[in-house]
Every structure is written in C-alpha cells, then in structure tokens.
C-alpha cells in the first residue's frame, strides 16, 4: 500500500486564498463596477480560488503558491491597467484582495517547500 506523503486540504493560507477568490468574484454584487471592473474582479476571483484549490489538493506544489503571488500582483495593478481606479469600491476591492493574496501566497511557500521535500511515508 502506498502511504500519502502529504496531508491535503490542511493549510490555512490556501483556504484563505479560496475565500479571497470567492469574495472577489462575488464583489460586483455589492460594489459599483463598469464592464472592465466587473470582468476583472470575476476572472481574477475565480483564478485565485482555483489556485487555492490547486494548492489544497497538492500541498507539495510550490508553484501554486507563487501563482497566488502573481495573481495578487496582477489584481492589485488592474484598476490602473483597466482604468477603473475611479470606481472606489471596485478599486479598493482589487487593492485589498491583491495584497492579501500576495501575503497568503508568500506565507504558504515555506509549508509548501517542506511538504515538497518530505520523504514518502513520513508524517
């Protein structure tokens, strides 16, 4: 029988990324948006949540944690890139969610590296 080397679905950082992604995707319900802000928030929210699920299902994947960081940076700069910085709610949602996504991505890197290096059968 093959022993599991990593416990899946256990890191708080990845669960936090999923929650940030879901809330970002749903934020157009409560904040004023234009077409660019609407789709930016939905798409980045779904991508962040999906990356969080990827990290939860494969805890030894260090790359997934760096994907959080990249998505967070892109979400942070999106109000300027897609010209919705004047929409206060949408812009602040992007900035706050972007910073939080970067923070949880970097916070999970050491745990992902440890899971990546752990030998088979060790718990």
C-alpha atoms as a PDB file:
ATOM      1  CA  UNK A   1       0.000   0.000   0.000  1.00  0.00           C
ATOM      2  CA  UNK A   2       1.276   3.458  -0.865  1.00  0.00           C
ATOM      3  CA  UNK A   3       1.388   5.905   2.035  1.00  0.00           C
ATOM      4  CA  UNK A   4       0.336   9.518   1.453  1.00  0.00           C
ATOM      5  CA  UNK A   5       3.321  11.798   1.776  1.00  0.00           C
ATOM      6  CA  UNK A   6       1.377  14.999   2.259  1.00  0.00           C
ATOM      7  CA  UNK A   7      -1.803  15.884   4.056  1.00  0.00           C
ATOM      8  CA  UNK A   8      -4.124  17.563   1.618  1.00  0.00           C
ATOM      9  CA  UNK A   9      -6.694  20.236   2.396  1.00  0.00           C
ATOM     10  CA  UNK A  10      -4.995  21.440   5.579  1.00  0.00           C
ATOM     11  CA  UNK A  11      -3.197  24.774   5.059  1.00  0.00           C
ATOM     12  CA  UNK A  12      -4.993  27.852   6.357  1.00  0.00           C
ATOM     13  CA  UNK A  13      -3.208  30.030   3.807  1.00  0.00           C
ATOM     14  CA  UNK A  14      -4.741  28.114   0.917  1.00  0.00           C
ATOM     15  CA  UNK A  15      -8.214  28.153   2.456  1.00  0.00           C
ATOM     16  CA  UNK A  16      -7.769  31.909   2.887  1.00  0.00           C
ATOM     17  CA  UNK A  17      -6.866  32.236  -0.799  1.00  0.00           C
ATOM     18  CA  UNK A  18     -10.043  30.346  -1.752  1.00  0.00           C
ATOM     19  CA  UNK A  19     -12.151  32.679   0.405  1.00  0.00           C
ATOM     20  CA  UNK A  20     -10.427  35.782  -1.025  1.00  0.00           C
ATOM     21  CA  UNK A  21     -11.055  34.498  -4.542  1.00  0.00           C
ATOM     22  CA  UNK A  22     -14.730  33.755  -3.925  1.00  0.00           C
ATOM     23  CA  UNK A  23     -15.320  37.122  -2.247  1.00  0.00           C
ATOM     24  CA  UNK A  24     -13.514  38.941  -5.063  1.00  0.00           C
ATOM     25  CA  UNK A  25     -15.576  37.143  -7.705  1.00  0.00           C
ATOM     26  CA  UNK A  26     -18.799  37.972  -5.861  1.00  0.00           C
ATOM     27  CA  UNK A  27     -17.855  41.575  -5.028  1.00  0.00           C
ATOM     28  CA  UNK A  28     -19.527  43.085  -8.133  1.00  0.00           C
ATOM     29  CA  UNK A  29     -22.823  42.278  -6.436  1.00  0.00           C
ATOM     30  CA  UNK A  30     -22.144  44.939  -3.797  1.00  0.00           C
ATOM     31  CA  UNK A  31     -19.710  47.418  -5.406  1.00  0.00           C
ATOM     32  CA  UNK A  32     -20.223  49.715  -8.361  1.00  0.00           C
ATOM     33  CA  UNK A  33     -18.438  48.458 -11.463  1.00  0.00           C
ATOM     34  CA  UNK A  34     -18.127  49.086 -15.135  1.00  0.00           C
ATOM     35  CA  UNK A  35     -17.624  46.304 -17.664  1.00  0.00           C
ATOM     36  CA  UNK A  36     -13.834  46.184 -17.199  1.00  0.00           C
ATOM     37  CA  UNK A  37     -14.030  46.124 -13.395  1.00  0.00           C
ATOM     38  CA  UNK A  38     -16.824  43.549 -13.414  1.00  0.00           C
ATOM     39  CA  UNK A  39     -14.955  41.042 -15.543  1.00  0.00           C
ATOM     40  CA  UNK A  40     -11.603  41.718 -13.913  1.00  0.00           C
ATOM     41  CA  UNK A  41     -12.991  41.008 -10.447  1.00  0.00           C
ATOM     42  CA  UNK A  42     -14.840  37.888 -11.586  1.00  0.00           C
ATOM     43  CA  UNK A  43     -11.959  36.429 -13.592  1.00  0.00           C
ATOM     44  CA  UNK A  44      -9.254  37.129 -11.018  1.00  0.00           C
ATOM     45  CA  UNK A  45     -11.524  35.942  -8.215  1.00  0.00           C
ATOM     46  CA  UNK A  46     -12.159  32.630  -9.960  1.00  0.00           C
ATOM     47  CA  UNK A  47      -8.451  32.218 -10.789  1.00  0.00           C
ATOM     48  CA  UNK A  48      -7.387  32.936  -7.197  1.00  0.00           C
ATOM     49  CA  UNK A  49      -9.966  30.488  -5.822  1.00  0.00           C
ATOM     50  CA  UNK A  50      -8.882  27.851  -8.349  1.00  0.00           C
ATOM     51  CA  UNK A  51      -5.223  28.347  -7.430  1.00  0.00           C
ATOM     52  CA  UNK A  52      -6.185  27.958  -3.776  1.00  0.00           C
ATOM     53  CA  UNK A  53      -7.941  24.673  -4.538  1.00  0.00           C
ATOM     54  CA  UNK A  54      -4.897  23.545  -6.521  1.00  0.00           C
ATOM     55  CA  UNK A  55      -2.675  24.309  -3.525  1.00  0.00           C
ATOM     56  CA  UNK A  56      -5.023  22.496  -1.160  1.00  0.00           C
ATOM     57  CA  UNK A  57      -5.158  19.380  -3.317  1.00  0.00           C
ATOM     58  CA  UNK A  58      -1.401  19.307  -3.985  1.00  0.00           C
ATOM     59  CA  UNK A  59       0.292  20.664  -0.842  1.00  0.00           C
ATOM     60  CA  UNK A  60       3.777  19.915  -2.182  1.00  0.00           C
ATOM     61  CA  UNK A  61       3.279  22.207  -5.179  1.00  0.00           C
ATOM     62  CA  UNK A  62       5.407  25.258  -4.546  1.00  0.00           C
ATOM     63  CA  UNK A  63       4.488  26.658  -7.964  1.00  0.00           C
ATOM     64  CA  UNK A  64       0.849  27.035  -6.934  1.00  0.00           C
ATOM     65  CA  UNK A  65       1.867  29.349  -4.091  1.00  0.00           C
ATOM     66  CA  UNK A  66       3.796  31.555  -6.490  1.00  0.00           C
ATOM     67  CA  UNK A  67       0.736  31.597  -8.761  1.00  0.00           C
ATOM     68  CA  UNK A  68      -1.129  33.215  -5.839  1.00  0.00           C
ATOM     69  CA  UNK A  69       1.547  35.884  -5.630  1.00  0.00           C
ATOM     70  CA  UNK A  70       1.439  36.633  -9.360  1.00  0.00           C
ATOM     71  CA  UNK A  71      -2.372  36.749  -9.425  1.00  0.00           C
ATOM     72  CA  UNK A  72      -2.361  39.043  -6.382  1.00  0.00           C
ATOM     73  CA  UNK A  73       0.061  41.460  -8.026  1.00  0.00           C
ATOM     74  CA  UNK A  74      -1.961  41.458 -11.257  1.00  0.00           C
ATOM     75  CA  UNK A  75      -5.183  42.070  -9.328  1.00  0.00           C
ATOM     76  CA  UNK A  76      -3.535  44.915  -7.414  1.00  0.00           C
ATOM     77  CA  UNK A  77      -2.459  46.753 -10.586  1.00  0.00           C
ATOM     78  CA  UNK A  78      -5.664  46.021 -12.522  1.00  0.00           C
ATOM     79  CA  UNK A  79      -7.533  49.221 -11.508  1.00  0.00           C
ATOM     80  CA  UNK A  80      -4.873  51.260 -13.313  1.00  0.00           C
ATOM     81  CA  UNK A  81      -4.391  48.859 -16.207  1.00  0.00           C
ATOM     82  CA  UNK A  82      -8.113  48.500 -16.907  1.00  0.00           C
ATOM     83  CA  UNK A  83      -8.926  52.122 -15.982  1.00  0.00           C
ATOM     84  CA  UNK A  84     -11.351  51.611 -13.131  1.00  0.00           C
ATOM     85  CA  UNK A  85      -9.344  53.283 -10.357  1.00  0.00           C
ATOM     86  CA  UNK A  86     -12.078  55.946 -10.175  1.00  0.00           C
ATOM     87  CA  UNK A  87     -14.625  53.297  -9.111  1.00  0.00           C
ATOM     88  CA  UNK A  88     -13.786  53.372  -5.418  1.00  0.00           C
ATOM     89  CA  UNK A  89     -15.393  50.096  -4.345  1.00  0.00           C
ATOM     90  CA  UNK A  90     -14.056  48.040  -7.232  1.00  0.00           C
ATOM     91  CA  UNK A  91     -10.598  49.589  -6.989  1.00  0.00           C
ATOM     92  CA  UNK A  92     -10.311  49.062  -3.234  1.00  0.00           C
ATOM     93  CA  UNK A  93     -11.541  45.506  -3.611  1.00  0.00           C
ATOM     94  CA  UNK A  94      -8.773  44.876  -6.135  1.00  0.00           C
ATOM     95  CA  UNK A  95      -6.118  46.516  -3.982  1.00  0.00           C
ATOM     96  CA  UNK A  96      -7.063  44.812  -0.710  1.00  0.00           C
ATOM     97  CA  UNK A  97      -7.685  41.390  -2.267  1.00  0.00           C
ATOM     98  CA  UNK A  98      -4.450  41.692  -4.254  1.00  0.00           C
ATOM     99  CA  UNK A  99      -2.352  42.485  -1.175  1.00  0.00           C
ATOM    100  CA  UNK A 100      -3.993  39.721   0.868  1.00  0.00           C
ATOM    101  CA  UNK A 101      -3.477  37.199  -1.932  1.00  0.00           C
ATOM    102  CA  UNK A 102       0.218  38.085  -2.182  1.00  0.00           C
ATOM    103  CA  UNK A 103       0.557  37.816   1.610  1.00  0.00           C
ATOM    104  CA  UNK A 104      -1.052  34.377   1.891  1.00  0.00           C
ATOM    105  CA  UNK A 105       0.878  33.155  -1.141  1.00  0.00           C
ATOM    106  CA  UNK A 106       4.209  34.102   0.411  1.00  0.00           C
ATOM    107  CA  UNK A 107       3.085  32.796   3.823  1.00  0.00           C
ATOM    108  CA  UNK A 108       2.387  29.358   2.324  1.00  0.00           C
ATOM    109  CA  UNK A 109       5.698  28.991   0.462  1.00  0.00           C
ATOM    110  CA  UNK A 110       7.686  27.582   3.427  1.00  0.00           C
ATOM    111  CA  UNK A 111       4.997  24.990   4.186  1.00  0.00           C
ATOM    112  CA  UNK A 112       4.755  24.007   0.524  1.00  0.00           C
ATOM    113  CA  UNK A 113       8.532  23.625   0.327  1.00  0.00           C
ATOM    114  CA  UNK A 114       8.517  21.449   3.452  1.00  0.00           C
ATOM    115  CA  UNK A 115       5.740  19.268   2.012  1.00  0.00           C
ATOM    116  CA  UNK A 116       7.609  19.083  -1.293  1.00  0.00           C
ATOM    117  CA  UNK A 117      10.776  17.849   0.440  1.00  0.00           C
ATOM    118  CA  UNK A 118       9.141  15.424   2.874  1.00  0.00           C
ATOM    119  CA  UNK A 119      10.126  11.793   2.207  1.00  0.00           C
ATOM    120  CA  UNK A 120       7.436   9.222   1.385  1.00  0.00           C
ATOM    121  CA  UNK A 121       5.684   7.775   4.381  1.00  0.00           C
ATOM    122  CA  UNK A 122       6.790  10.439   6.849  1.00  0.00           C
ATOM    123  CA  UNK A 123       4.059  12.323   8.691  1.00  0.00           C
END
